[in-house]
Amino acid sequence: MRKRKLKSVKDELVKKSREAMLAAVQIYNNPHITFKSETYISLAIVAWTYLLHAYYRSQKIDYRYYKVTGSKKSYDKTKHGAYKHWELERCLNDDLSPIGKDTTLNLRFLIGIRHEIEHQMTNKIDEHLSAKLQACAINYNHYLRKLFGDKYSMDRELALTIQFTPISPEQEEALLDNDKLTGNVKNFIATFEKDLSSEQMVNNHYAYRVVYVPVNVNRKGQADRVIEFIKPDSPLAEGLNKEYALIKETERPKHRPGAIVKLMQEEGFPNFKIGAHTQLWQAMDAKSSAKNYGVQIAETWYWYESWLKIVREYCAKNKSRYE
């Protein structure tokens, strides 16, 4: 009887998990919804949480919070008497977690974004998270099958979305423009990825990226395919990767105030000191988010190249003062 109950609860958890992930993908693909990434992340975290609860239950691992007094367990409960189960982060932290390190990294990124967006409104974050969201969906289907069998596969449900227009050059420029990305989300992404290795950054389990290139077909059969798959080691793929490396979005170079002052001194303005730099940015209100001259990460302010250019021009105009 106990064994049947364990199995039924596990199956129900897997079912709810699949429903949550399907809802996440369906909402993200809905052209009438603008709150896409925020909703996707919330539902995907629920899906992964239920998936890991189902796994731990199948392995007879207690995933409830409790305290041990002597030889007795005292379970934590809500004020209405329900057990407090592990959240996703606690599930991933467990030594017996079945999730690989790169998939775990992807989920930790999404959990961090969820923490940033749950208490305030965000805007224009879809394009900056899409690679991570795609990786999350593919990773989910992989572990769903690995942990519970092919019968749960979502291969047929997770399809490519269709859009009404091709991407124009103006749209491409807008997609690459991150000036309107909410400050707290921008800061979180920069902080999270600051110490990641290049291998982690390009790993498909962390962020799944696809380059779309319109092509003119020269064979009848090709005309029926929206996507043409090519081998990653083929000359065509190598050429595409080189082009992508040139245009892909990267985090802009950032400078500490002291580094800017030192650079100006090395360029022939030895009397330009930190006090002069402070007076300049204060007079110009250069830390205003509307001007986008820099960014605050944690407790530290960093200046972008655009501000460095202004400082350089200022020193040149006031050459006699700072030589």
Protein backbone atom coordinates (compact mmCIF):
# COMPACT_ATOMS: atom_id res chain seq x y z
CA MET A 1 0.00 0.00 0.00
CA ARG A 2 2.82 2.37 0.96
CA LYS A 3 4.65 1.61 -2.32
CA ARG A 4 1.54 2.35 -4.40
CA LYS A 5 1.08 5.68 -2.59
CA LEU A 6 4.69 6.68 -3.26
CA LYS A 7 4.26 5.87 -6.94
CA SER A 8 0.97 7.74 -7.27
CA VAL A 9 2.35 10.90 -5.62
CA LYS A 10 5.46 10.71 -7.80
CA ASP A 11 3.35 10.37 -10.95
CA GLU A 12 1.16 13.29 -9.90
CA LEU A 13 4.23 15.45 -9.30
CA VAL A 14 5.62 14.58 -12.74
CA LYS A 15 2.26 15.36 -14.34
CA LYS A 16 2.03 18.75 -12.60
CA SER A 17 5.64 19.45 -13.53
CA ARG A 18 4.96 18.80 -17.24
CA GLU A 19 1.83 20.98 -17.12
CA ALA A 20 3.78 23.86 -15.56
CA MET A 21 6.51 23.69 -18.22
CA LEU A 22 3.99 23.42 -21.05
CA ALA A 23 2.16 26.46 -19.68
CA ALA A 24 5.48 28.34 -19.49
CA VAL A 25 6.28 27.61 -23.13
CA GLN A 26 2.74 28.31 -24.36
CA ILE A 27 2.65 31.67 -22.61
CA TYR A 28 6.10 32.61 -23.91
CA ASN A 29 5.01 31.75 -27.46
CA ASN A 30 1.73 33.68 -27.20
CA PRO A 31 1.98 36.84 -29.37
CA HIS A 32 -0.66 38.65 -27.26
CA ILE A 33 1.36 38.46 -24.04
CA THR A 34 4.14 40.95 -23.27
CA PHE A 35 5.04 39.69 -19.78
CA LYS A 36 6.68 36.64 -21.36
CA SER A 37 10.04 36.02 -19.71
CA GLU A 38 8.81 36.85 -16.22
CA THR A 39 5.91 34.37 -16.48
CA TYR A 40 8.06 31.72 -18.17
CA ILE A 41 10.70 31.87 -15.43
CA SER A 42 8.14 31.63 -12.62
CA LEU A 43 6.40 28.61 -14.16
CA ALA A 44 9.63 26.92 -15.22
CA ILE A 45 10.95 27.12 -11.64
CA VAL A 46 7.73 25.48 -10.44
CA ALA A 47 8.15 22.78 -13.11
CA TRP A 48 11.74 22.01 -12.12
CA THR A 49 10.83 22.04 -8.41
CA TYR A 50 8.08 19.46 -8.91
CA LEU A 51 10.37 17.40 -11.14
CA LEU A 52 13.01 17.20 -8.42
CA HIS A 53 10.41 16.52 -5.76
CA ALA A 54 9.22 13.60 -7.88
CA TYR A 55 12.78 12.34 -8.24
CA TYR A 56 13.57 12.60 -4.52
CA ARG A 57 10.30 10.87 -3.71
CA SER A 58 11.13 8.03 -6.12
CA GLN A 59 14.49 7.67 -4.34
CA LYS A 60 12.83 7.81 -0.90
CA ILE A 61 14.72 10.97 0.00
CA ASP A 62 12.88 13.22 2.44
CA TYR A 63 12.58 16.65 0.78
CA ARG A 64 10.74 18.32 3.66
CA TYR A 65 12.31 20.82 6.05
CA TYR A 66 12.78 19.46 9.55
CA LYS A 67 14.90 19.73 12.70
CA VAL A 68 16.34 16.76 14.54
CA THR A 69 16.04 16.66 18.32
CA GLY A 70 17.79 13.59 19.64
CA SER A 71 16.51 10.80 17.39
CA LYS A 72 13.27 12.55 16.55
CA LYS A 73 12.38 14.64 13.49
CA SER A 74 10.35 17.81 13.95
CA TYR A 75 8.92 18.96 10.60
CA ASP A 76 8.52 22.63 9.69
CA LYS A 77 4.97 23.51 8.69
CA THR A 78 3.03 26.50 7.43
CA LYS A 79 0.59 28.26 9.73
CA HIS A 80 -2.16 26.13 8.13
CA GLY A 81 -0.36 22.87 8.89
CA ALA A 82 1.17 21.97 5.49
CA TYR A 83 4.70 20.57 5.29
CA LYS A 84 7.36 22.98 4.03
CA HIS A 85 9.02 21.29 1.06
CA TRP A 86 12.38 22.23 -0.41
CA GLU A 87 12.42 25.09 -2.91
CA LEU A 88 14.34 24.61 -6.17
CA GLU A 89 17.58 26.11 -4.88
CA ARG A 90 17.61 23.71 -1.92
CA CYS A 91 16.89 20.79 -4.27
CA LEU A 92 19.87 21.76 -6.42
CA ASN A 93 22.14 22.22 -3.40
CA ASP A 94 21.56 18.68 -2.15
CA ASP A 95 24.48 16.26 -2.59
CA LEU A 96 22.10 13.76 -4.20
CA SER A 97 20.81 16.17 -6.85
CA PRO A 98 20.80 14.41 -10.25
CA ILE A 99 21.18 17.67 -12.21
CA GLY A 100 24.49 18.35 -13.98
CA LYS A 101 26.59 21.41 -13.16
CA ASP A 102 25.88 23.33 -16.40
CA THR A 103 22.12 22.82 -16.15
CA THR A 104 22.34 23.78 -12.48
CA LEU A 105 24.15 26.96 -13.50
CA ASN A 106 21.33 27.80 -15.91
CA LEU A 107 18.73 27.27 -13.18
CA ARG A 108 20.66 29.35 -10.64
CA PHE A 109 20.72 32.18 -13.20
CA LEU A 110 16.94 31.97 -13.66
CA ILE A 111 16.36 31.80 -9.90
CA GLY A 112 18.45 34.96 -9.51
CA ILE A 113 16.47 36.74 -12.23
CA ARG A 114 13.22 35.62 -10.56
CA HIS A 115 14.38 37.21 -7.30
CA GLU A 116 15.03 40.49 -9.17
CA ILE A 117 11.70 40.61 -11.01
CA GLU A 118 9.25 39.38 -8.40
CA HIS A 119 9.11 42.63 -6.41
CA GLN A 120 9.08 45.23 -9.18
CA MET A 121 8.04 45.80 -12.78
CA THR A 122 10.55 45.04 -15.53
CA ASN A 123 10.69 45.83 -19.22
CA LYS A 124 12.49 44.72 -22.36
CA ILE A 125 14.15 41.64 -20.89
CA ASP A 126 12.92 38.95 -23.32
CA GLU A 127 15.69 39.31 -25.90
CA HIS A 128 18.40 39.28 -23.24
CA LEU A 129 17.22 36.05 -21.60
CA SER A 130 15.95 34.01 -24.54
CA ALA A 131 19.09 31.84 -24.86
CA LYS A 132 18.83 30.87 -21.20
CA LEU A 133 15.09 30.19 -21.47
CA GLN A 134 15.61 27.97 -24.52
CA ALA A 135 18.34 26.05 -22.71
CA CYS A 136 16.03 25.65 -19.71
CA ALA A 137 13.31 24.04 -21.87
CA ILE A 138 15.73 21.65 -23.62
CA ASN A 139 17.42 20.75 -20.32
CA TYR A 140 14.01 20.08 -18.77
CA ASN A 141 12.96 17.65 -21.49
CA HIS A 142 16.33 15.89 -21.23
CA TYR A 143 16.03 15.30 -17.48
CA LEU A 144 12.34 14.45 -17.70
CA ARG A 145 13.24 11.57 -20.01
CA LYS A 146 16.43 10.63 -18.16
CA LEU A 147 14.80 10.44 -14.72
CA PHE A 148 11.35 9.09 -15.62
CA GLY A 149 11.53 7.53 -19.07
CA ASP A 150 10.73 8.38 -22.69
CA LYS A 151 6.99 8.07 -22.12
CA TYR A 152 7.09 11.53 -20.51
CA SER A 153 9.00 13.11 -23.40
CA MET A 154 7.85 16.56 -24.49
CA ASP A 155 9.62 16.50 -27.87
CA ARG A 156 6.41 16.95 -29.82
CA GLU A 157 5.06 19.72 -27.59
CA LEU A 158 8.14 21.98 -27.65
CA ALA A 159 7.96 23.37 -31.18
CA LEU A 160 9.48 26.28 -33.06
CA THR A 161 7.47 29.49 -32.94
CA ILE A 162 6.33 31.28 -36.11
CA GLN A 163 6.49 35.05 -36.62
CA PHE A 164 4.77 37.22 -39.21
CA THR A 165 7.72 39.28 -40.44
CA PRO A 166 11.43 38.78 -41.02
CA ILE A 167 13.82 40.66 -38.76
CA SER A 168 14.67 44.01 -40.30
CA PRO A 169 17.96 45.87 -39.73
CA GLU A 170 16.07 48.29 -37.47
CA GLN A 171 14.76 45.39 -35.39
CA GLU A 172 18.24 43.88 -35.15
CA GLU A 173 19.55 47.17 -33.76
CA ALA A 174 16.71 47.29 -31.23
CA LEU A 175 17.38 43.71 -30.14
CA LEU A 176 21.03 44.52 -29.50
CA ASP A 177 20.20 47.74 -27.62
CA ASN A 178 20.25 47.01 -23.89
CA ASP A 179 20.00 50.61 -22.67
CA LYS A 180 16.39 50.11 -21.55
CA LEU A 181 17.08 46.88 -19.69
CA THR A 182 15.97 47.36 -16.08
CA GLY A 183 18.94 48.36 -13.94
CA ASN A 184 18.62 45.65 -11.28
CA VAL A 185 18.32 42.90 -13.93
CA LYS A 186 21.30 44.31 -15.86
CA ASN A 187 23.36 44.42 -12.67
CA PHE A 188 22.41 40.87 -11.72
CA ILE A 189 23.40 39.50 -15.15
CA ALA A 190 26.74 41.34 -15.07
CA THR A 191 27.49 40.14 -11.53
CA PHE A 192 26.39 36.54 -12.17
CA GLU A 193 28.42 36.15 -15.37
CA LYS A 194 31.47 38.14 -14.24
CA ASP A 195 33.36 35.08 -12.96
CA LEU A 196 32.06 32.47 -15.41
CA SER A 197 34.63 30.81 -17.63
CA SER A 198 34.37 31.05 -21.42
CA GLU A 199 33.50 27.34 -21.46
CA GLN A 200 30.57 27.92 -19.11
CA MET A 201 29.37 30.94 -21.09
CA VAL A 202 29.19 29.02 -24.39
CA ASN A 203 27.85 25.76 -22.95
CA ASN A 204 24.45 24.92 -24.50
CA HIS A 205 23.11 23.76 -21.13
CA TYR A 206 23.67 27.27 -19.77
CA ALA A 207 22.48 29.26 -22.81
CA TYR A 208 21.24 27.71 -26.04
CA ARG A 209 21.95 30.01 -28.99
CA VAL A 210 20.91 29.57 -32.59
CA VAL A 211 21.88 31.78 -35.52
CA TYR A 212 19.07 32.28 -38.06
CA VAL A 213 20.23 33.04 -41.60
CA PRO A 214 17.70 33.49 -44.48
CA VAL A 215 18.80 31.34 -47.45
CA ASN A 216 17.70 30.91 -51.04
CA VAL A 217 17.19 27.20 -51.70
CA ASN A 218 18.43 25.50 -54.84
CA ARG A 219 16.76 22.13 -54.39
CA LYS A 220 13.03 21.37 -54.45
CA GLY A 221 13.08 19.44 -51.16
CA GLN A 222 14.74 22.27 -49.27
CA ALA A 223 11.85 24.63 -49.96
CA ASP A 224 9.71 22.75 -47.42
CA ARG A 225 12.11 23.24 -44.51
CA VAL A 226 12.02 26.24 -42.19
CA ILE A 227 15.34 25.15 -40.66
CA GLU A 228 18.28 23.49 -42.38
CA PHE A 229 20.55 21.66 -39.92
CA ILE A 230 24.26 21.61 -40.68
CA LYS A 231 27.12 19.81 -38.95
CA PRO A 232 29.01 22.03 -36.48
CA ASP A 233 32.37 21.13 -38.05
CA SER A 234 31.31 21.90 -41.62
CA PRO A 235 32.87 24.86 -43.53
CA LEU A 236 29.46 26.61 -43.57
CA ALA A 237 29.05 26.32 -39.79
CA GLU A 238 32.61 27.53 -39.26
CA GLY A 239 31.90 30.61 -41.37
CA LEU A 240 28.66 31.33 -39.51
CA ASN A 241 30.38 31.04 -36.15
CA LYS A 242 33.03 33.54 -37.24
CA GLU A 243 30.37 36.00 -38.37
CA TYR A 244 28.39 35.49 -35.17
CA ALA A 245 31.50 36.10 -33.08
CA LEU A 246 31.78 39.52 -34.72
CA ILE A 247 28.21 40.64 -34.10
CA LYS A 248 27.19 38.90 -30.88
CA GLU A 249 26.33 41.10 -27.96
CA THR A 250 28.97 41.30 -25.25
CA GLU A 251 29.08 43.15 -21.97
CA ARG A 252 30.62 46.55 -22.60
CA PRO A 253 34.08 47.32 -21.13
CA LYS A 254 33.86 49.00 -17.73
CA HIS A 255 36.33 51.18 -15.81
CA ARG A 256 36.73 52.09 -12.16
CA PRO A 257 37.18 55.85 -11.47
CA GLY A 258 40.82 55.35 -10.43
CA ALA A 259 41.56 53.52 -13.68
CA ILE A 260 40.15 56.44 -15.70
CA VAL A 261 42.29 58.96 -13.78
CA LYS A 262 45.42 56.82 -14.26
CA LEU A 263 44.71 56.48 -17.97
CA MET A 264 44.33 60.26 -18.39
CA GLN A 265 47.60 60.82 -16.56
CA GLU A 266 49.35 58.34 -18.84
CA GLU A 267 47.91 60.18 -21.84
CA GLY A 268 49.62 63.43 -20.83
CA PHE A 269 47.43 64.96 -18.13
CA PRO A 270 49.38 64.28 -14.89
CA ASN A 271 47.44 66.90 -12.91
CA PHE A 272 44.08 65.30 -13.59
CA LYS A 273 43.30 63.76 -10.20
CA ILE A 274 40.37 61.86 -8.71
CA GLY A 275 38.93 65.09 -7.27
CA ALA A 276 38.73 66.64 -10.74
CA HIS A 277 37.05 63.50 -12.06
CA THR A 278 34.48 63.59 -9.24
CA GLN A 279 33.71 67.25 -9.87
CA LEU A 280 33.22 66.55 -13.58
CA TRP A 281 30.75 63.70 -13.20
CA GLN A 282 28.83 65.53 -10.48
CA ALA A 283 28.55 68.68 -12.62
CA MET A 284 27.23 66.60 -15.53
CA ASP A 285 25.02 64.37 -13.35
CA ALA A 286 26.78 61.57 -15.19
CA LYS A 287 25.50 58.79 -12.94
CA SER A 288 21.92 59.43 -14.03
CA SER A 289 20.50 56.21 -15.48
CA ALA A 290 19.05 58.19 -18.37
CA LYS A 291 22.56 59.07 -19.60
CA ASN A 292 23.84 55.47 -19.46
CA TYR A 293 27.47 56.41 -18.84
CA GLY A 294 28.00 53.63 -16.35
CA VAL A 295 26.49 51.01 -14.09
CA GLN A 296 26.50 50.18 -10.39
CA ILE A 297 27.28 46.53 -9.63
CA ALA A 298 26.78 45.64 -5.97
CA GLU A 299 28.33 48.63 -4.14
CA THR A 300 30.75 49.65 -6.91
CA TRP A 301 30.26 52.10 -9.77
CA TYR A 302 31.81 51.33 -13.17
CA TRP A 303 32.13 53.77 -16.10
CA TYR A 304 31.54 52.78 -19.73
CA GLU A 305 33.72 53.72 -22.70
CA SER A 306 31.26 56.51 -23.56
CA TRP A 307 32.17 58.28 -20.32
CA LEU A 308 35.88 57.71 -20.88
CA LYS A 309 35.51 59.51 -24.22
CA ILE A 310 33.88 62.51 -22.50
CA VAL A 311 36.65 62.66 -19.87
CA ARG A 312 39.30 62.52 -22.60
CA GLU A 313 37.63 65.40 -24.50
CA TYR A 314 37.32 67.39 -21.27
CA CYS A 315 41.03 66.99 -20.51
CA ALA A 316 41.97 68.01 -24.06
CA LYS A 317 39.85 71.19 -23.79
CA ASN A 318 41.44 72.04 -20.44
CA LYS A 319 44.96 71.00 -21.41
CA SER A 320 46.77 73.87 -19.68
CA ARG A 321 45.12 73.01 -16.35
CA TYR A 322 46.01 69.34 -16.29
CA GLU A 323 49.37 69.11 -18.10
